[in-house]
Amino acid sequence: MKMGDLLFVYGTLRREGGCHGVLNFGATFVTDEYVAGTMYDVGRFPALTLEGDTHIRGEVYRIDNPELPARLDRYEGCPNLYQRRKVRTIYGHDVWVYVFVRPVEGLPVVKSGDWLKEAA
């Protein structure tokens, strides 16, 4: 990820999420969006896999600070908990997204695809 790249966030980093402040370090909101996949409830945060066809609700941000990707990697536990992947959103944006890399067997599925709706 570099300056100008787009990032898709779907959980605690969204505007109403408890950790949105991490993005205040150098990202600009672009639009609300969706990616296809499956979302799981890990407890205090969601986990996204790219398998499945649920429309996962999230937000797209433009990276404006060259230090932000390293900060996000630390926050997301990359590469041991999540890995960054490039995907295309439902409306055609090419974005980076953090994808869960641990086993998901037994985790509850967030059927709505909207973490903030389910967590509320």
N, C-alpha and C. Protein backbone atom coordinates (compact mmCIF):
# COMPACT_ATOMS: atom_id res chain seq x y z
N MET A 1 0.86 -1.17 0.00
CA MET A 1 0.00 0.00 0.00
C MET A 1 0.90 1.23 0.00
N LYS A 2 0.49 2.22 -0.78
CA LYS A 2 1.28 3.45 -0.86
C LYS A 2 0.34 4.66 -0.94
N MET A 3 0.92 5.83 -0.94
CA MET A 3 0.14 7.07 -1.04
C MET A 3 -0.79 7.00 -2.24
N GLY A 4 -2.02 7.42 -2.05
CA GLY A 4 -3.00 7.45 -3.12
C GLY A 4 -3.78 6.16 -3.30
N ASP A 5 -3.29 5.05 -2.74
CA ASP A 5 -4.02 3.78 -2.82
C ASP A 5 -5.33 3.88 -2.03
N LEU A 6 -6.27 3.03 -2.38
CA LEU A 6 -7.55 2.98 -1.69
C LEU A 6 -7.58 1.78 -0.74
N LEU A 7 -8.19 2.00 0.42
CA LEU A 7 -8.32 1.00 1.47
C LEU A 7 -9.79 0.80 1.78
N PHE A 8 -10.23 -0.45 1.86
CA PHE A 8 -11.59 -0.78 2.26
C PHE A 8 -11.57 -1.24 3.71
N VAL A 9 -12.37 -0.59 4.56
CA VAL A 9 -12.48 -1.00 5.97
C VAL A 9 -13.92 -1.42 6.25
N TYR A 10 -14.10 -2.44 7.09
CA TYR A 10 -15.43 -3.03 7.26
C TYR A 10 -15.82 -3.26 8.71
N GLY A 11 -14.98 -2.91 9.65
CA GLY A 11 -15.29 -3.19 11.05
C GLY A 11 -15.02 -2.00 11.94
N THR A 12 -14.09 -2.18 12.88
CA THR A 12 -13.82 -1.18 13.90
C THR A 12 -13.21 0.11 13.34
N LEU A 13 -12.69 0.09 12.12
CA LEU A 13 -12.10 1.29 11.52
C LEU A 13 -13.12 2.17 10.80
N ARG A 14 -14.35 1.68 10.65
CA ARG A 14 -15.39 2.49 10.01
C ARG A 14 -15.69 3.71 10.87
N ARG A 15 -16.35 4.71 10.26
CA ARG A 15 -16.62 5.98 10.96
C ARG A 15 -17.28 5.79 12.31
N GLU A 16 -18.21 4.85 12.43
CA GLU A 16 -18.88 4.62 13.71
C GLU A 16 -18.18 3.55 14.54
N GLY A 17 -17.08 3.03 14.05
CA GLY A 17 -16.34 1.99 14.76
C GLY A 17 -15.49 2.57 15.88
N GLY A 18 -15.20 1.75 16.85
CA GLY A 18 -14.48 2.19 18.03
C GLY A 18 -13.02 2.57 17.80
N CYS A 19 -12.44 2.19 16.68
CA CYS A 19 -11.02 2.48 16.42
C CYS A 19 -10.81 3.33 15.17
N HIS A 20 -11.85 4.03 14.77
CA HIS A 20 -11.77 4.86 13.55
C HIS A 20 -10.63 5.88 13.63
N GLY A 21 -10.27 6.30 14.83
CA GLY A 21 -9.21 7.29 15.01
C GLY A 21 -7.89 6.90 14.38
N VAL A 22 -7.64 5.62 14.17
CA VAL A 22 -6.40 5.17 13.52
C VAL A 22 -6.30 5.80 12.13
N LEU A 23 -7.42 5.97 11.45
CA LEU A 23 -7.41 6.55 10.11
C LEU A 23 -7.20 8.05 10.10
N ASN A 24 -7.38 8.70 11.25
CA ASN A 24 -7.13 10.15 11.33
C ASN A 24 -5.67 10.49 11.10
N PHE A 25 -4.82 9.48 11.11
CA PHE A 25 -3.39 9.67 10.93
C PHE A 25 -3.02 9.93 9.47
N GLY A 26 -3.98 9.81 8.55
CA GLY A 26 -3.64 10.09 7.17
C GLY A 26 -4.46 9.37 6.13
N ALA A 27 -5.80 9.44 6.26
CA ALA A 27 -6.67 8.84 5.26
C ALA A 27 -7.88 9.74 5.06
N THR A 28 -8.37 9.78 3.84
CA THR A 28 -9.52 10.59 3.50
C THR A 28 -10.65 9.69 3.02
N PHE A 29 -11.84 9.89 3.61
CA PHE A 29 -13.01 9.12 3.21
C PHE A 29 -13.33 9.38 1.74
N VAL A 30 -13.63 8.31 0.99
CA VAL A 30 -13.99 8.41 -0.42
C VAL A 30 -15.46 8.09 -0.63
N THR A 31 -15.90 6.89 -0.17
CA THR A 31 -17.28 6.47 -0.41
C THR A 31 -17.63 5.25 0.43
N ASP A 32 -18.91 5.01 0.58
CA ASP A 32 -19.38 3.75 1.14
C ASP A 32 -19.32 2.71 0.02
N GLU A 33 -19.06 1.45 0.36
CA GLU A 33 -18.86 0.42 -0.67
C GLU A 33 -19.15 -0.96 -0.11
N TYR A 34 -18.99 -1.97 -0.97
CA TYR A 34 -19.17 -3.36 -0.61
C TYR A 34 -18.12 -4.21 -1.32
N VAL A 35 -17.69 -5.28 -0.65
CA VAL A 35 -16.89 -6.32 -1.30
C VAL A 35 -17.62 -7.64 -1.08
N ALA A 36 -17.36 -8.59 -1.95
CA ALA A 36 -17.97 -9.91 -1.80
C ALA A 36 -17.09 -10.78 -0.93
N GLY A 37 -17.71 -11.53 -0.03
CA GLY A 37 -16.97 -12.42 0.85
C GLY A 37 -17.87 -12.95 1.94
N THR A 38 -17.26 -13.35 3.04
CA THR A 38 -17.98 -13.79 4.23
C THR A 38 -17.35 -13.12 5.44
N MET A 39 -18.19 -12.60 6.32
CA MET A 39 -17.71 -11.95 7.54
C MET A 39 -18.04 -12.83 8.74
N TYR A 40 -17.07 -12.93 9.65
CA TYR A 40 -17.23 -13.72 10.87
C TYR A 40 -17.08 -12.81 12.08
N ASP A 41 -17.73 -13.21 13.16
CA ASP A 41 -17.66 -12.51 14.44
C ASP A 41 -16.58 -13.17 15.28
N VAL A 42 -15.49 -12.42 15.52
CA VAL A 42 -14.37 -12.96 16.32
C VAL A 42 -14.49 -12.50 17.77
N GLY A 43 -15.50 -11.70 18.08
CA GLY A 43 -15.67 -11.19 19.43
C GLY A 43 -15.73 -9.67 19.41
N ARG A 44 -14.59 -9.04 19.64
CA ARG A 44 -14.54 -7.58 19.63
C ARG A 44 -14.33 -6.99 18.25
N PHE A 45 -14.14 -7.84 17.26
CA PHE A 45 -13.87 -7.36 15.90
C PHE A 45 -14.32 -8.41 14.89
N PRO A 46 -14.50 -7.99 13.63
CA PRO A 46 -14.91 -8.94 12.60
C PRO A 46 -13.71 -9.51 11.85
N ALA A 47 -13.98 -10.58 11.13
CA ALA A 47 -12.98 -11.20 10.27
C ALA A 47 -13.60 -11.40 8.89
N LEU A 48 -12.90 -11.01 7.86
CA LEU A 48 -13.38 -11.13 6.50
C LEU A 48 -12.58 -12.19 5.75
N THR A 49 -13.29 -13.06 5.03
CA THR A 49 -12.63 -13.94 4.07
C THR A 49 -13.21 -13.59 2.70
N LEU A 50 -12.47 -13.88 1.67
CA LEU A 50 -12.93 -13.54 0.32
C LEU A 50 -13.74 -14.66 -0.31
N GLU A 51 -13.95 -15.74 0.41
CA GLU A 51 -14.82 -16.81 -0.06
C GLU A 51 -16.26 -16.44 0.30
N GLY A 52 -17.17 -16.69 -0.60
CA GLY A 52 -18.57 -16.38 -0.36
C GLY A 52 -19.02 -15.20 -1.19
N ASP A 53 -20.33 -14.96 -1.15
CA ASP A 53 -20.86 -13.89 -2.00
C ASP A 53 -21.74 -12.90 -1.24
N THR A 54 -21.60 -12.86 0.08
CA THR A 54 -22.30 -11.83 0.85
C THR A 54 -21.70 -10.47 0.52
N HIS A 55 -22.53 -9.46 0.39
CA HIS A 55 -22.03 -8.10 0.19
C HIS A 55 -21.63 -7.54 1.56
N ILE A 56 -20.33 -7.41 1.76
CA ILE A 56 -19.78 -6.91 3.02
C ILE A 56 -19.75 -5.39 2.96
N ARG A 57 -20.45 -4.76 3.87
CA ARG A 57 -20.55 -3.30 3.89
C ARG A 57 -19.30 -2.69 4.51
N GLY A 58 -18.82 -1.62 3.90
CA GLY A 58 -17.66 -0.93 4.44
C GLY A 58 -17.49 0.45 3.84
N GLU A 59 -16.31 0.99 4.04
CA GLU A 59 -15.99 2.34 3.57
C GLU A 59 -14.64 2.32 2.88
N VAL A 60 -14.50 3.16 1.87
CA VAL A 60 -13.25 3.29 1.13
C VAL A 60 -12.57 4.59 1.54
N TYR A 61 -11.26 4.49 1.81
CA TYR A 61 -10.44 5.65 2.17
C TYR A 61 -9.22 5.71 1.26
N ARG A 62 -8.79 6.93 0.96
CA ARG A 62 -7.55 7.14 0.21
C ARG A 62 -6.42 7.34 1.20
N ILE A 63 -5.30 6.67 0.99
CA ILE A 63 -4.14 6.79 1.87
C ILE A 63 -3.42 8.09 1.53
N ASP A 64 -3.31 8.98 2.52
CA ASP A 64 -2.69 10.29 2.32
C ASP A 64 -1.38 10.48 3.07
N ASN A 65 -0.99 9.51 3.87
CA ASN A 65 0.23 9.62 4.66
C ASN A 65 1.05 8.36 4.42
N PRO A 66 2.31 8.48 3.99
CA PRO A 66 3.11 7.30 3.69
C PRO A 66 3.39 6.41 4.91
N GLU A 67 3.19 6.92 6.11
CA GLU A 67 3.41 6.13 7.32
C GLU A 67 2.17 5.33 7.74
N LEU A 68 1.02 5.66 7.17
CA LEU A 68 -0.21 5.00 7.59
C LEU A 68 -0.23 3.50 7.31
N PRO A 69 0.23 3.01 6.15
CA PRO A 69 0.18 1.55 5.93
C PRO A 69 0.90 0.74 7.01
N ALA A 70 2.06 1.18 7.46
CA ALA A 70 2.77 0.45 8.53
C ALA A 70 1.98 0.49 9.83
N ARG A 71 1.35 1.61 10.12
CA ARG A 71 0.53 1.73 11.33
C ARG A 71 -0.68 0.80 11.24
N LEU A 72 -1.30 0.74 10.06
CA LEU A 72 -2.44 -0.15 9.87
C LEU A 72 -2.03 -1.62 9.98
N ASP A 73 -0.88 -1.97 9.41
CA ASP A 73 -0.40 -3.35 9.52
C ASP A 73 -0.22 -3.75 10.97
N ARG A 74 0.34 -2.87 11.79
CA ARG A 74 0.49 -3.17 13.22
C ARG A 74 -0.88 -3.34 13.88
N TYR A 75 -1.78 -2.41 13.60
CA TYR A 75 -3.12 -2.46 14.18
C TYR A 75 -3.83 -3.77 13.81
N GLU A 76 -3.70 -4.20 12.56
CA GLU A 76 -4.40 -5.38 12.07
C GLU A 76 -3.67 -6.70 12.36
N GLY A 77 -2.50 -6.64 12.97
CA GLY A 77 -1.76 -7.86 13.25
C GLY A 77 -1.28 -8.55 11.99
N CYS A 78 -0.89 -7.75 11.02
CA CYS A 78 -0.43 -8.26 9.73
C CYS A 78 1.04 -8.66 9.81
N PRO A 79 1.42 -9.83 9.40
CA PRO A 79 0.71 -10.79 8.56
C PRO A 79 0.17 -12.00 9.32
N ASN A 80 0.22 -12.02 10.64
CA ASN A 80 -0.16 -13.22 11.39
C ASN A 80 -1.66 -13.39 11.62
N LEU A 81 -2.39 -12.30 11.72
CA LEU A 81 -3.83 -12.35 11.96
C LEU A 81 -4.60 -12.00 10.68
N TYR A 82 -4.13 -10.97 10.02
CA TYR A 82 -4.71 -10.51 8.75
C TYR A 82 -3.59 -10.33 7.74
N GLN A 83 -3.96 -10.40 6.46
CA GLN A 83 -3.04 -10.05 5.38
C GLN A 83 -3.75 -9.08 4.46
N ARG A 84 -2.96 -8.18 3.88
CA ARG A 84 -3.52 -7.24 2.92
C ARG A 84 -3.69 -7.91 1.57
N ARG A 85 -4.84 -7.71 0.97
CA ARG A 85 -5.11 -8.24 -0.38
C ARG A 85 -5.74 -7.14 -1.22
N LYS A 86 -5.45 -7.16 -2.50
CA LYS A 86 -6.06 -6.22 -3.43
C LYS A 86 -7.30 -6.88 -4.02
N VAL A 87 -8.45 -6.21 -3.95
CA VAL A 87 -9.70 -6.73 -4.48
C VAL A 87 -10.44 -5.61 -5.22
N ARG A 88 -11.44 -6.01 -5.96
CA ARG A 88 -12.32 -5.04 -6.63
C ARG A 88 -13.64 -5.02 -5.88
N THR A 89 -14.13 -3.82 -5.56
CA THR A 89 -15.40 -3.68 -4.85
C THR A 89 -16.56 -3.95 -5.81
N ILE A 90 -17.74 -4.03 -5.24
CA ILE A 90 -18.95 -4.25 -6.02
C ILE A 90 -19.13 -3.16 -7.08
N TYR A 91 -18.75 -1.92 -6.75
CA TYR A 91 -18.92 -0.80 -7.68
C TYR A 91 -17.64 -0.47 -8.46
N GLY A 92 -16.66 -1.38 -8.44
CA GLY A 92 -15.53 -1.26 -9.34
C GLY A 92 -14.29 -0.54 -8.85
N HIS A 93 -14.19 -0.25 -7.55
CA HIS A 93 -12.96 0.35 -7.01
C HIS A 93 -11.93 -0.75 -6.73
N ASP A 94 -10.69 -0.53 -7.11
CA ASP A 94 -9.61 -1.44 -6.73
C ASP A 94 -9.08 -0.98 -5.39
N VAL A 95 -9.22 -1.83 -4.37
CA VAL A 95 -8.91 -1.45 -2.99
C VAL A 95 -8.05 -2.50 -2.33
N TRP A 96 -7.34 -2.07 -1.29
CA TRP A 96 -6.69 -3.00 -0.37
C TRP A 96 -7.68 -3.31 0.74
N VAL A 97 -7.65 -4.54 1.22
CA VAL A 97 -8.51 -4.95 2.33
C VAL A 97 -7.72 -5.92 3.20
N TYR A 98 -7.97 -5.88 4.50
CA TYR A 98 -7.33 -6.83 5.41
C TYR A 98 -8.21 -8.08 5.51
N VAL A 99 -7.63 -9.21 5.13
CA VAL A 99 -8.33 -10.49 5.09
C VAL A 99 -7.81 -11.37 6.22
N PHE A 100 -8.73 -12.00 6.92
CA PHE A 100 -8.40 -12.87 8.06
C PHE A 100 -7.70 -14.13 7.57
N VAL A 101 -6.60 -14.52 8.22
CA VAL A 101 -5.83 -15.68 7.77
C VAL A 101 -5.86 -16.85 8.77
N ARG A 102 -6.58 -16.70 9.85
CA ARG A 102 -6.71 -17.78 10.82
C ARG A 102 -7.91 -18.65 10.48
N PRO A 103 -8.00 -19.86 11.05
CA PRO A 103 -9.17 -20.71 10.79
C PRO A 103 -10.47 -20.05 11.26
N VAL A 104 -11.53 -20.19 10.48
CA VAL A 104 -12.82 -19.57 10.82
C VAL A 104 -13.86 -20.61 11.24
N GLU A 105 -13.50 -21.89 11.21
CA GLU A 105 -14.43 -22.93 11.60
C GLU A 105 -14.95 -22.66 13.01
N GLY A 106 -16.25 -22.71 13.17
CA GLY A 106 -16.87 -22.52 14.47
C GLY A 106 -17.18 -21.08 14.81
N LEU A 107 -16.67 -20.11 14.05
CA LEU A 107 -16.98 -18.71 14.32
C LEU A 107 -18.36 -18.37 13.77
N PRO A 108 -19.13 -17.53 14.48
CA PRO A 108 -20.43 -17.13 13.97
C PRO A 108 -20.28 -16.28 12.71
N VAL A 109 -21.15 -16.49 11.73
CA VAL A 109 -21.16 -15.71 10.51
C VAL A 109 -22.01 -14.45 10.74
N VAL A 110 -21.52 -13.31 10.26
CA VAL A 110 -22.28 -12.05 10.28
C VAL A 110 -23.10 -12.04 8.99
N LYS A 111 -24.30 -12.56 9.06
CA LYS A 111 -25.11 -12.80 7.86
C LYS A 111 -25.48 -11.54 7.11
N SER A 112 -25.64 -10.44 7.82
CA SER A 112 -26.01 -9.18 7.15
C SER A 112 -24.85 -8.58 6.37
N GLY A 113 -23.62 -8.99 6.71
CA GLY A 113 -22.44 -8.39 6.09
C GLY A 113 -22.11 -7.01 6.62
N ASP A 114 -22.79 -6.59 7.67
CA ASP A 114 -22.58 -5.24 8.23
C ASP A 114 -22.20 -5.39 9.70
N TRP A 115 -20.90 -5.28 10.00
CA TRP A 115 -20.40 -5.46 11.36
C TRP A 115 -21.03 -4.48 12.34
N LEU A 116 -21.16 -3.21 11.96
CA LEU A 116 -21.68 -2.22 12.90
C LEU A 116 -23.16 -2.45 13.18
N LYS A 117 -23.91 -2.94 12.22
CA LYS A 117 -25.31 -3.27 12.43
C LYS A 117 -25.43 -4.45 13.40
N GLU A 118 -24.58 -5.46 13.23
CA GLU A 118 -24.62 -6.65 14.09
C GLU A 118 -24.09 -6.36 15.49
N ALA A 119 -23.05 -5.51 15.58
CA ALA A 119 -22.42 -5.23 16.86
C ALA A 119 -23.24 -4.27 17.71
N ALA A 120 -24.19 -3.57 17.09
CA ALA A 120 -24.99 -2.55 17.82
C ALA A 120 -25.94 -3.19 18.80
